[in-house]
Amino acid sequence: MPQTIEFFYDCASPYSYLAATQIAALAERHSAQLQWRPLALGGVFKATGNRMPATVPAKGKYMLKDLKLWAEHYAVPFQFPKIFPVNSLLVQRIACAVAETDRAAYTLAAMKAYWTQGADIQQVAVLQPLLRSLGLDAEALIAAAQSEKIKAQLKANTEEAVSRGVFGAPSCFVGETQFWGNDRLPLMEAFLMKSEPKSL
């Protein structure tokens, strides 16, 4: 039976972006099912008493260098946006509204728009053409993101994550084993390898 990786993320999180560029290939290497689980990182911080590293000057300075090193390591583009932090509620609610089969493509497109081009992803005017470029119904999805059903879905995802011990993003789960942070992907991969059935 294939294992499942639950990937809890927020498009406004730089480490979520970095992990998102690698997570699908990692899952494929181990024939694992990948679930993209959008949450509201602000809600996680509020519920757990955590806060953005950038609010601590020494951490913020270190983080900028660290992000560039990870981007170089993965050979992916990265540019710290002028608009930071960004209100990600709309982009995350749309992620909940998008069909699961389209969620990965949408998430990566939104993340790349913000973390490589500095696009203001809290604006409908930015998200509409992005959705259309993916062949998605932009107007319907943006309208759905304003519905109580979708707002409740994002809130439920966030509350579930917190109840399972999440305090930041990205956070991955294999079963009930949690791996927090982009830099824990190698540890998660090692865990998956140990859990795979041994061939005879």
Protein backbone atom coordinates (compact mmCIF):
# COMPACT_ATOMS: atom_id res chain seq x y z
CA MET A 1 0.00 0.00 0.00
CA PRO A 2 1.54 3.36 -1.01
CA GLN A 3 2.42 5.79 1.74
CA THR A 4 0.90 9.26 1.89
CA ILE A 5 2.70 12.56 2.40
CA GLU A 6 0.55 15.41 3.68
CA PHE A 7 2.15 18.72 2.75
CA PHE A 8 0.83 21.62 4.85
CA TYR A 9 1.93 24.93 3.35
CA ASP A 10 1.29 28.63 2.92
CA CYS A 11 2.24 30.43 -0.30
CA ALA A 12 3.49 33.36 1.79
CA SER A 13 6.14 31.15 3.40
CA PRO A 14 9.50 31.16 1.60
CA TYR A 15 10.44 27.77 2.98
CA SER A 16 7.09 26.41 1.79
CA TYR A 17 8.05 27.60 -1.70
CA LEU A 18 11.43 25.90 -1.54
CA ALA A 19 9.93 22.64 -0.29
CA ALA A 20 7.17 22.81 -2.89
CA THR A 21 9.75 22.77 -5.68
CA GLN A 22 11.04 19.41 -4.41
CA ILE A 23 8.13 17.61 -2.76
CA ALA A 24 6.52 16.08 -5.86
CA ALA A 25 9.77 14.51 -7.07
CA LEU A 26 10.44 13.18 -3.57
CA ALA A 27 7.00 11.58 -3.41
CA GLU A 28 7.45 10.09 -6.86
CA ARG A 29 10.79 8.54 -5.91
CA HIS A 30 9.02 6.56 -3.21
CA SER A 31 5.70 5.96 -4.99
CA ALA A 32 4.01 7.96 -2.25
CA GLN A 33 0.71 9.76 -2.61
CA LEU A 34 1.08 13.50 -2.13
CA GLN A 35 -1.65 15.64 -0.61
CA TRP A 36 -1.32 19.43 -0.88
CA ARG A 37 -2.91 20.84 2.32
CA PRO A 38 -3.19 24.67 2.33
CA LEU A 39 -3.35 26.35 5.72
CA ALA A 40 -3.29 29.90 7.09
CA LEU A 41 0.14 30.40 8.58
CA GLY A 42 -1.00 33.50 10.44
CA GLY A 43 -3.62 31.37 12.17
CA VAL A 44 -0.99 28.80 13.10
CA PHE A 45 1.25 31.49 14.59
CA LYS A 46 -1.65 32.95 16.57
CA ALA A 47 -2.72 29.55 17.92
CA THR A 48 0.79 28.44 18.89
CA GLY A 49 2.41 31.71 19.98
CA ASN A 50 5.00 31.37 17.22
CA ARG A 51 6.04 34.28 14.98
CA MET A 52 7.84 34.95 11.71
CA PRO A 53 11.64 34.65 11.86
CA ALA A 54 11.83 38.02 10.07
CA THR A 55 10.42 39.74 13.16
CA VAL A 56 13.67 38.91 14.99
CA PRO A 57 16.41 41.01 13.33
CA ALA A 58 19.20 38.42 13.70
CA LYS A 59 16.95 35.63 12.41
CA GLY A 60 15.72 37.77 9.54
CA LYS A 61 19.27 38.58 8.44
CA TYR A 62 20.26 34.91 8.62
CA MET A 63 17.10 33.81 6.81
CA LEU A 64 17.82 35.94 3.74
CA LYS A 65 21.20 34.25 3.30
CA ASP A 66 19.78 30.82 4.08
CA LEU A 67 16.99 31.13 1.51
CA LYS A 68 19.47 32.05 -1.22
CA LEU A 69 21.69 29.11 -0.32
CA TRP A 70 18.77 26.68 -0.48
CA ALA A 71 17.60 28.11 -3.81
CA GLU A 72 21.10 27.65 -5.22
CA HIS A 73 21.23 24.12 -3.80
CA TYR A 74 17.95 23.22 -5.51
CA ALA A 75 18.85 25.23 -8.63
CA VAL A 76 15.52 27.09 -8.49
CA PRO A 77 14.91 30.82 -8.97
CA PHE A 78 14.36 32.94 -5.88
CA GLN A 79 13.97 36.65 -5.27
CA PHE A 80 12.81 38.10 -1.99
CA PRO A 81 9.68 40.18 -2.75
CA LYS A 82 9.35 43.86 -1.89
CA ILE A 83 5.88 43.19 -0.47
CA PHE A 84 6.55 41.12 2.64
CA PRO A 85 4.79 39.86 4.56
CA VAL A 86 1.81 39.41 2.27
CA ASN A 87 -1.79 38.64 3.23
CA SER A 88 -2.19 35.11 1.87
CA LEU A 89 -5.80 34.40 2.86
CA LEU A 90 -7.17 34.81 -0.67
CA VAL A 91 -4.46 32.79 -2.38
CA GLN A 92 -4.80 30.04 0.23
CA ARG A 93 -8.60 29.99 0.03
CA ILE A 94 -8.36 29.63 -3.74
CA ALA A 95 -6.03 26.68 -3.14
CA CYS A 96 -8.84 25.09 -1.12
CA ALA A 97 -11.35 25.83 -3.89
CA VAL A 98 -9.21 24.48 -6.72
CA ALA A 99 -9.80 20.82 -7.56
CA GLU A 100 -7.25 18.54 -5.89
CA THR A 101 -5.95 17.51 -9.30
CA ASP A 102 -5.09 21.15 -10.09
CA ARG A 103 -3.89 22.22 -6.64
CA ALA A 104 -0.20 21.46 -7.16
CA ALA A 105 -0.01 23.39 -10.44
CA TYR A 106 -1.91 26.35 -8.98
CA THR A 107 0.15 26.42 -5.79
CA LEU A 108 3.47 26.29 -7.64
CA ALA A 109 2.33 29.01 -10.05
CA ALA A 110 1.25 31.29 -7.19
CA MET A 111 4.44 30.65 -5.26
CA LYS A 112 6.65 31.29 -8.29
CA ALA A 113 4.77 34.50 -9.04
CA TYR A 114 5.50 35.75 -5.52
CA TRP A 115 8.92 34.27 -4.75
CA THR A 116 10.55 34.74 -8.15
CA GLN A 117 8.71 37.74 -9.66
CA GLY A 118 7.55 39.64 -6.60
CA ALA A 119 3.92 39.63 -7.75
CA ASP A 120 1.38 40.91 -5.20
CA ILE A 121 -0.55 37.66 -4.75
CA GLN A 122 -3.04 39.24 -2.37
CA GLN A 123 -4.59 41.04 -5.35
CA VAL A 124 -7.42 39.58 -7.44
CA ALA A 125 -5.94 41.35 -10.48
CA VAL A 126 -2.81 39.22 -10.10
CA LEU A 127 -4.53 35.92 -9.39
CA GLN A 128 -7.09 36.13 -12.21
CA PRO A 129 -4.60 35.88 -15.10
CA LEU A 130 -2.56 33.32 -13.19
CA LEU A 131 -5.60 31.05 -12.88
CA ARG A 132 -6.54 31.59 -16.52
CA SER A 133 -3.02 30.67 -17.63
CA LEU A 134 -3.60 27.27 -16.02
CA GLY A 135 -6.88 26.80 -17.88
CA LEU A 136 -8.93 27.30 -14.71
CA ASP A 137 -12.16 29.26 -14.26
CA ALA A 138 -10.72 32.31 -12.51
CA GLU A 139 -14.01 34.07 -11.81
CA ALA A 140 -15.67 30.96 -10.37
CA LEU A 141 -12.69 30.10 -8.14
CA ILE A 142 -12.27 33.64 -6.84
CA ALA A 143 -15.99 33.75 -6.06
CA ALA A 144 -15.79 30.37 -4.35
CA ALA A 145 -12.88 31.63 -2.24
CA GLN A 146 -15.24 34.23 -0.75
CA SER A 147 -17.82 31.61 0.25
CA GLU A 148 -18.30 30.51 3.84
CA LYS A 149 -17.69 26.89 2.78
CA ILE A 150 -14.19 27.58 1.50
CA LYS A 151 -13.33 29.96 4.34
CA ALA A 152 -14.36 27.20 6.74
CA GLN A 153 -12.23 24.68 4.84
CA LEU A 154 -9.06 26.74 5.22
CA LYS A 155 -9.86 27.32 8.89
CA ALA A 156 -10.45 23.59 9.38
CA ASN A 157 -7.15 22.72 7.69
CA THR A 158 -5.36 25.18 9.94
CA GLU A 159 -7.02 23.94 13.12
CA GLU A 160 -6.33 20.33 12.17
CA ALA A 161 -2.68 21.11 11.56
CA VAL A 162 -2.35 22.86 14.93
CA SER A 163 -4.09 19.98 16.70
CA ARG A 164 -1.49 17.63 15.21
CA GLY A 165 1.42 19.71 16.45
CA VAL A 166 2.10 22.08 13.55
CA PHE A 167 3.63 25.41 14.56
CA GLY A 168 5.06 26.60 11.23
CA ALA A 169 5.23 25.90 7.52
CA PRO A 170 5.99 23.84 5.65
CA SER A 171 5.03 20.86 7.78
CA CYS A 172 4.78 17.37 6.36
CA PHE A 173 3.26 14.25 7.79
CA VAL A 174 3.87 10.63 6.92
CA GLY A 175 1.18 8.98 8.99
CA GLU A 176 1.45 10.82 12.29
CA THR A 177 5.20 11.46 12.02
CA GLN A 178 5.79 15.17 11.47
CA PHE A 179 8.63 16.82 9.57
CA TRP A 180 8.81 20.60 9.94
CA GLY A 181 10.72 22.78 7.53
CA ASN A 182 12.24 22.58 4.10
CA ASP A 183 15.50 21.29 5.60
CA ARG A 184 13.72 18.21 7.01
CA LEU A 185 12.93 16.81 3.56
CA PRO A 186 16.04 14.56 3.61
CA LEU A 187 14.95 13.18 7.00
CA MET A 188 11.47 12.51 5.65
CA GLU A 189 12.94 10.75 2.64
CA ALA A 190 15.07 8.57 4.92
CA PHE A 191 11.94 7.78 6.95
CA LEU A 192 10.07 6.78 3.79
CA MET A 193 12.92 4.54 2.72
CA LYS A 194 12.93 2.74 6.07
CA SER A 195 9.18 2.25 5.85
CA GLU A 196 9.23 0.77 2.36
CA PRO A 197 8.73 -2.99 2.10
CA LYS A 198 11.99 -4.84 1.54
CA SER A 199 12.24 -6.71 -1.75
CA LEU A 200 13.09 -10.39 -1.57
